[in-house]
PDB file of all heavy atoms in Angstrom:
ATOM      1  N   LEU A   1      10.270  72.464 126.992  1.00  0.00           N
ATOM      2  CA  LEU A   1      11.621  72.361 127.526  1.00  0.00           C
ATOM      3  C   LEU A   1      11.602  72.856 128.963  1.00  0.00           C
ATOM      4  O   LEU A   1      12.225  72.322 129.979  1.00  0.00           O
ATOM      5  CB  LEU A   1      12.634  73.229 126.692  1.00  0.00           C
ATOM      6  CG  LEU A   1      14.017  73.084 127.126  1.00  0.00           C
ATOM      7  CD1 LEU A   1      14.580  71.606 126.809  1.00  0.00           C
ATOM      8  CD2 LEU A   1      14.895  74.004 126.265  1.00  0.00           C
ATOM      9  N   VAL A   2      10.835  73.894 129.178  1.00  0.00           N
ATOM     10  CA  VAL A   2      10.876  74.395 130.541  1.00  0.00           C
ATOM     11  C   VAL A   2      10.093  73.378 131.423  1.00  0.00           C
ATOM     12  O   VAL A   2      10.424  73.185 132.670  1.00  0.00           O
ATOM     13  CB  VAL A   2      10.120  75.771 130.638  1.00  0.00           C
ATOM     14  CG1 VAL A   2       9.756  76.370 131.987  1.00  0.00           C
ATOM     15  CG2 VAL A   2      10.884  76.827 129.869  1.00  0.00           C
ATOM     16  N   TRP A   3       8.940  72.828 130.905  1.00  0.00           N
ATOM     17  CA  TRP A   3       8.206  71.896 131.665  1.00  0.00           C
ATOM     18  C   TRP A   3       9.031  70.717 132.124  1.00  0.00           C
ATOM     19  O   TRP A   3       9.000  70.321 133.212  1.00  0.00           O
ATOM     20  CB  TRP A   3       7.002  71.458 130.750  1.00  0.00           C
ATOM     21  CG  TRP A   3       5.915  70.502 131.418  1.00  0.00           C
ATOM     22  CD1 TRP A   3       6.131  69.750 132.453  1.00  0.00           C
ATOM     23  CD2 TRP A   3       4.579  70.481 131.078  1.00  0.00           C
ATOM     24  NE1 TRP A   3       4.937  69.051 132.849  1.00  0.00           N
ATOM     25  CE2 TRP A   3       4.074  69.501 131.872  1.00  0.00           C
ATOM     26  CE3 TRP A   3       3.949  70.976 130.005  1.00  0.00           C
ATOM     27  CZ2 TRP A   3       2.701  69.128 131.759  1.00  0.00           C
ATOM     28  CZ3 TRP A   3       2.571  70.600 129.817  1.00  0.00           C
ATOM     29  CH2 TRP A   3       1.964  69.702 130.704  1.00  0.00           C
ATOM     30  N   ASP A   4       9.786  70.147 131.069  1.00  0.00           N
ATOM     31  CA  ASP A   4      10.657  69.053 131.478  1.00  0.00           C
ATOM     32  C   ASP A   4      11.778  69.408 132.388  1.00  0.00           C
ATOM     33  O   ASP A   4      12.235  68.664 133.261  1.00  0.00           O
ATOM     34  CB  ASP A   4      11.235  68.414 130.146  1.00  0.00           C
ATOM     35  CG  ASP A   4      10.321  67.634 129.305  1.00  0.00           C
ATOM     36  OD1 ASP A   4       9.272  67.236 129.957  1.00  0.00           O
ATOM     37  OD2 ASP A   4      10.549  67.397 128.163  1.00  0.00           O
ATOM     38  N   GLY A   5      12.163  70.661 132.264  1.00  0.00           N
ATOM     39  CA  GLY A   5      13.457  71.081 133.178  1.00  0.00           C
ATOM     40  C   GLY A   5      12.872  71.216 134.525  1.00  0.00           C
ATOM     41  O   GLY A   5      13.604  70.876 135.440  1.00  0.00           O
ATOM     42  N   VAL A   6      11.493  71.719 134.820  1.00  0.00           N
ATOM     43  CA  VAL A   6      11.166  71.733 136.195  1.00  0.00           C
ATOM     44  C   VAL A   6      10.876  70.452 136.692  1.00  0.00           C
ATOM     45  O   VAL A   6      11.210  70.153 137.927  1.00  0.00           O
ATOM     46  CB  VAL A   6       9.779  72.657 136.110  1.00  0.00           C
ATOM     47  CG1 VAL A   6       9.102  72.422 137.537  1.00  0.00           C
ATOM     48  CG2 VAL A   6       9.975  74.011 135.763  1.00  0.00           C
ATOM     49  N   THR A   7      10.457  69.469 135.903  1.00  0.00           N
ATOM     50  CA  THR A   7      10.240  68.154 136.340  1.00  0.00           C
ATOM     51  C   THR A   7      11.541  67.471 136.741  1.00  0.00           C
ATOM     52  O   THR A   7      11.675  66.780 137.706  1.00  0.00           O
ATOM     53  CB  THR A   7       9.613  67.305 135.152  1.00  0.00           C
ATOM     54  OG1 THR A   7       8.253  67.862 134.903  1.00  0.00           O
ATOM     55  CG2 THR A   7       9.376  65.787 135.648  1.00  0.00           C
ATOM     56  N   ALA A   8      12.616  67.742 135.840  1.00  0.00           N
ATOM     57  CA  ALA A   8      13.984  67.153 136.061  1.00  0.00           C
ATOM     58  C   ALA A   8      14.605  67.779 137.301  1.00  0.00           C
ATOM     59  O   ALA A   8      15.239  66.859 138.074  1.00  0.00           O
ATOM     60  CB  ALA A   8      14.860  67.383 134.944  1.00  0.00           C
ATOM     61  N   MET A   9      14.299  68.893 137.553  1.00  0.00           N
ATOM     62  CA  MET A   9      15.012  69.542 138.862  1.00  0.00           C
ATOM     63  C   MET A   9      14.380  68.871 140.262  1.00  0.00           C
ATOM     64  O   MET A   9      15.070  68.791 141.197  1.00  0.00           O
ATOM     65  CB  MET A   9      14.644  70.974 139.005  1.00  0.00           C
ATOM     66  CG  MET A   9      15.303  71.863 137.844  1.00  0.00           C
ATOM     67  SD  MET A   9      17.152  71.577 137.839  1.00  0.00           S
ATOM     68  CE  MET A   9      17.336  70.524 136.390  1.00  0.00           C
ATOM     69  N   GLY A  10      13.286  68.181 140.026  1.00  0.00           N
ATOM     70  CA  GLY A  10      12.739  67.439 141.281  1.00  0.00           C
ATOM     71  C   GLY A  10      12.942  66.037 141.083  1.00  0.00           C
ATOM     72  O   GLY A  10      12.518  65.172 142.110  1.00  0.00           O
ATOM     73  N   ALA A  11      13.677  65.583 140.070  1.00  0.00           N
ATOM     74  CA  ALA A  11      13.962  64.117 139.956  1.00  0.00           C
ATOM     75  C   ALA A  11      15.409  63.719 140.533  1.00  0.00           C
ATOM     76  O   ALA A  11      16.087  64.636 141.073  1.00  0.00           O
ATOM     77  CB  ALA A  11      14.065  63.861 138.455  1.00  0.00           C
ATOM     78  N   PRO A  12      15.609  62.455 140.727  1.00  0.00           N
ATOM     79  CA  PRO A  12      16.951  62.023 141.258  1.00  0.00           C
ATOM     80  C   PRO A  12      18.075  62.673 140.578  1.00  0.00           C
ATOM     81  O   PRO A  12      17.982  63.063 139.316  1.00  0.00           O
ATOM     82  CB  PRO A  12      16.841  60.516 141.106  1.00  0.00           C
ATOM     83  CG  PRO A  12      15.451  60.181 141.115  1.00  0.00           C
ATOM     84  CD  PRO A  12      14.742  61.334 140.436  1.00  0.00           C
ATOM     85  N   PRO A  13      19.165  62.788 141.203  1.00  0.00           N
ATOM     86  CA  PRO A  13      20.414  63.448 140.462  1.00  0.00           C
ATOM     87  C   PRO A  13      20.639  62.969 139.156  1.00  0.00           C
ATOM     88  O   PRO A  13      21.091  63.651 138.271  1.00  0.00           O
ATOM     89  CB  PRO A  13      21.521  63.269 141.590  1.00  0.00           C
ATOM     90  CG  PRO A  13      20.817  63.190 142.918  1.00  0.00           C
ATOM     91  CD  PRO A  13      19.559  62.375 142.487  1.00  0.00           C
ATOM     92  N   LEU A  14      20.816  61.590 138.996  1.00  0.00           N
ATOM     93  CA  LEU A  14      21.138  60.987 137.784  1.00  0.00           C
ATOM     94  C   LEU A  14      20.273  61.425 136.557  1.00  0.00           C
ATOM     95  O   LEU A  14      20.726  61.745 135.422  1.00  0.00           O
ATOM     96  CB  LEU A  14      21.189  59.509 137.903  1.00  0.00           C
ATOM     97  CG  LEU A  14      21.609  58.741 136.530  1.00  0.00           C
ATOM     98  CD1 LEU A  14      22.958  59.135 136.099  1.00  0.00           C
ATOM     99  CD2 LEU A  14      21.590  57.223 136.676  1.00  0.00           C
ATOM    100  N   GLN A  15      18.936  61.355 136.839  1.00  0.00           N
ATOM    101  CA  GLN A  15      17.873  61.713 135.880  1.00  0.00           C
ATOM    102  C   GLN A  15      18.144  63.223 135.478  1.00  0.00           C
ATOM    103  O   GLN A  15      17.906  63.666 134.352  1.00  0.00           O
ATOM    104  CB  GLN A  15      16.455  61.427 136.413  1.00  0.00           C
ATOM    105  CG  GLN A  15      15.408  61.703 135.451  1.00  0.00           C
ATOM    106  CD  GLN A  15      14.087  61.226 135.890  1.00  0.00           C
ATOM    107  OE1 GLN A  15      13.936  60.426 136.869  1.00  0.00           O
ATOM    108  NE2 GLN A  15      13.047  61.841 135.346  1.00  0.00           N
ATOM    109  N   ARG A  16      18.470  64.061 136.489  1.00  0.00           N
ATOM    110  CA  ARG A  16      18.521  65.433 136.276  1.00  0.00           C
ATOM    111  C   ARG A  16      19.789  65.753 135.471  1.00  0.00           C
ATOM    112  O   ARG A  16      19.756  66.598 134.515  1.00  0.00           O
ATOM    113  CB  ARG A  16      18.630  66.182 137.628  1.00  0.00           C
ATOM    114  CG  ARG A  16      18.861  67.761 137.484  1.00  0.00           C
ATOM    115  CD  ARG A  16      18.702  68.429 138.803  1.00  0.00           C
ATOM    116  NE  ARG A  16      19.716  68.050 139.763  1.00  0.00           N
ATOM    117  CZ  ARG A  16      19.440  67.265 140.828  1.00  0.00           C
ATOM    118  NH1 ARG A  16      18.202  66.903 141.101  1.00  0.00           N
ATOM    119  NH2 ARG A  16      20.417  67.030 141.778  1.00  0.00           N
ATOM    120  N   LYS A  17      20.919  65.043 135.782  1.00  0.00           N
ATOM    121  CA  LYS A  17      22.097  65.169 134.973  1.00  0.00           C
ATOM    122  C   LYS A  17      21.984  64.695 133.507  1.00  0.00           C
ATOM    123  O   LYS A  17      22.431  65.288 132.488  1.00  0.00           O
ATOM    124  CB  LYS A  17      23.239  64.424 135.652  1.00  0.00           C
ATOM    125  CG  LYS A  17      23.723  65.042 136.915  1.00  0.00           C
ATOM    126  CD  LYS A  17      24.783  64.262 137.531  1.00  0.00           C
ATOM    127  CE  LYS A  17      25.287  64.845 138.845  1.00  0.00           C
ATOM    128  NZ  LYS A  17      26.428  64.059 139.542  1.00  0.00           N
ATOM    129  N   LEU A  18      21.213  63.613 133.384  1.00  0.00           N
ATOM    130  CA  LEU A  18      20.961  63.123 131.939  1.00  0.00           C
ATOM    131  C   LEU A  18      20.183  64.152 131.166  1.00  0.00           C
ATOM    132  O   LEU A  18      20.435  64.428 130.036  1.00  0.00           O
ATOM    133  CB  LEU A  18      20.307  61.788 132.037  1.00  0.00           C
ATOM    134  CG  LEU A  18      21.029  60.571 132.244  1.00  0.00           C
ATOM    135  CD1 LEU A  18      20.123  59.291 132.398  1.00  0.00           C
ATOM    136  CD2 LEU A  18      21.972  60.335 131.095  1.00  0.00           C
ATOM    137  N   PHE A  19      19.156  64.753 131.809  1.00  0.00           N
ATOM    138  CA  PHE A  19      18.262  65.714 131.068  1.00  0.00           C
ATOM    139  C   PHE A  19      19.241  66.997 130.712  1.00  0.00           C
ATOM    140  O   PHE A  19      19.116  67.388 129.498  1.00  0.00           O
ATOM    141  CB  PHE A  19      17.247  66.259 132.064  1.00  0.00           C
ATOM    142  CG  PHE A  19      16.549  67.364 131.422  1.00  0.00           C
ATOM    143  CD1 PHE A  19      15.522  67.341 130.381  1.00  0.00           C
ATOM    144  CD2 PHE A  19      16.703  68.779 132.039  1.00  0.00           C
ATOM    145  CE1 PHE A  19      14.923  68.350 129.959  1.00  0.00           C
ATOM    146  CE2 PHE A  19      16.048  69.857 131.456  1.00  0.00           C
ATOM    147  CZ  PHE A  19      15.184  69.669 130.440  1.00  0.00           C
ATOM    148  N   LEU A  20      19.959  67.471 131.562  1.00  0.00           N
ATOM    149  CA  LEU A  20      20.909  68.574 131.223  1.00  0.00           C
ATOM    150  C   LEU A  20      21.907  68.184 130.189  1.00  0.00           C
ATOM    151  O   LEU A  20      22.225  69.090 129.307  1.00  0.00           O
ATOM    152  CB  LEU A  20      21.650  69.101 132.509  1.00  0.00           C
ATOM    153  CG  LEU A  20      20.813  69.652 133.565  1.00  0.00           C
ATOM    154  CD1 LEU A  20      21.489  69.996 134.848  1.00  0.00           C
ATOM    155  CD2 LEU A  20      19.972  70.920 133.082  1.00  0.00           C
ATOM    156  N   PHE A  21      22.397  66.925 130.150  1.00  0.00           N
ATOM    157  CA  PHE A  21      23.353  66.456 129.165  1.00  0.00           C
ATOM    158  C   PHE A  21      22.600  66.490 127.800  1.00  0.00           C
ATOM    159  O   PHE A  21      23.230  66.903 126.826  1.00  0.00           O
ATOM    160  CB  PHE A  21      23.862  65.216 129.519  1.00  0.00           C
ATOM    161  CG  PHE A  21      24.699  64.530 128.426  1.00  0.00           C
ATOM    162  CD1 PHE A  21      26.020  64.800 128.128  1.00  0.00           C
ATOM    163  CD2 PHE A  21      24.107  63.508 127.636  1.00  0.00           C
ATOM    164  CE1 PHE A  21      26.689  64.300 127.201  1.00  0.00           C
ATOM    165  CE2 PHE A  21      24.917  62.924 126.636  1.00  0.00           C
ATOM    166  CZ  PHE A  21      26.198  63.329 126.352  1.00  0.00           C
ATOM    167  N   HIS A  22      21.433  65.916 127.836  1.00  0.00           N
ATOM    168  CA  HIS A  22      20.707  65.791 126.520  1.00  0.00           C
ATOM    169  C   HIS A  22      20.333  67.242 125.893  1.00  0.00           C
ATOM    170  O   HIS A  22      20.577  67.465 124.611  1.00  0.00           O
ATOM    171  CB  HIS A  22      19.393  65.115 126.796  1.00  0.00           C
ATOM    172  CG  HIS A  22      19.456  63.612 127.062  1.00  0.00           C
ATOM    173  ND1 HIS A  22      18.581  62.923 127.736  1.00  0.00           N
ATOM    174  CD2 HIS A  22      20.561  62.813 126.935  1.00  0.00           C
ATOM    175  CE1 HIS A  22      18.936  61.654 127.893  1.00  0.00           C
ATOM    176  NE2 HIS A  22      20.186  61.480 127.412  1.00  0.00           N
ATOM    177  N   VAL A  23      20.058  68.140 126.777  1.00  0.00           N
ATOM    178  CA  VAL A  23      19.808  69.421 126.351  1.00  0.00           C
ATOM    179  C   VAL A  23      21.104  70.181 125.817  1.00  0.00           C
ATOM    180  O   VAL A  23      21.130  70.932 124.758  1.00  0.00           O
ATOM    181  CB  VAL A  23      19.208  70.315 127.438  1.00  0.00           C
ATOM    182  CG1 VAL A  23      19.046  71.808 127.054  1.00  0.00           C
ATOM    183  CG2 VAL A  23      17.717  69.826 127.723  1.00  0.00           C
ATOM    184  N   ALA A  24      22.142  69.967 126.582  1.00  0.00           N
ATOM    185  CA  ALA A  24      23.389  70.527 126.147  1.00  0.00           C
ATOM    186  C   ALA A  24      23.897  70.008 124.776  1.00  0.00           C
ATOM    187  O   ALA A  24      24.348  70.810 123.891  1.00  0.00           O
ATOM    188  CB  ALA A  24      24.570  70.208 127.066  1.00  0.00           C
ATOM    189  N   VAL A  25      23.752  68.766 124.617  1.00  0.00           N
ATOM    190  CA  VAL A  25      24.135  68.136 123.293  1.00  0.00           C
ATOM    191  C   VAL A  25      23.271  68.647 122.227  1.00  0.00           C
ATOM    192  O   VAL A  25      23.710  69.058 121.136  1.00  0.00           O
ATOM    193  CB  VAL A  25      24.320  66.677 123.355  1.00  0.00           C
ATOM    194  CG1 VAL A  25      24.490  66.020 121.970  1.00  0.00           C
ATOM    195  CG2 VAL A  25      25.271  66.173 124.316  1.00  0.00           C
ATOM    196  N   SER A  26      21.930  68.699 122.438  1.00  0.00           N
ATOM    197  CA  SER A  26      21.008  68.984 121.361  1.00  0.00           C
ATOM    198  C   SER A  26      21.162  70.429 120.920  1.00  0.00           C
ATOM    199  O   SER A  26      21.126  70.717 119.668  1.00  0.00           O
ATOM    200  CB  SER A  26      19.510  68.780 121.864  1.00  0.00           C
ATOM    201  OG  SER A  26      18.661  68.712 120.857  1.00  0.00           O
ATOM    202  N   LEU A  27      21.178  71.382 121.943  1.00  0.00           N
ATOM    203  CA  LEU A  27      21.311  72.782 121.670  1.00  0.00           C
ATOM    204  C   LEU A  27      22.677  73.222 121.395  1.00  0.00           C
ATOM    205  O   LEU A  27      23.018  74.235 120.677  1.00  0.00           O
ATOM    206  CB  LEU A  27      20.710  73.665 122.765  1.00  0.00           C
ATOM    207  CG  LEU A  27      19.249  73.401 123.097  1.00  0.00           C
ATOM    208  CD1 LEU A  27      18.749  74.326 124.048  1.00  0.00           C
ATOM    209  CD2 LEU A  27      18.422  73.464 121.781  1.00  0.00           C
TER     210      LEU A  27
END
């Protein structure tokens, strides 16, 4: 989760928001 989070922080805004949304819904 930390690995993917670091990767997402360097990704385009839409990809970063999708990752945060998925984590928020899952957890």
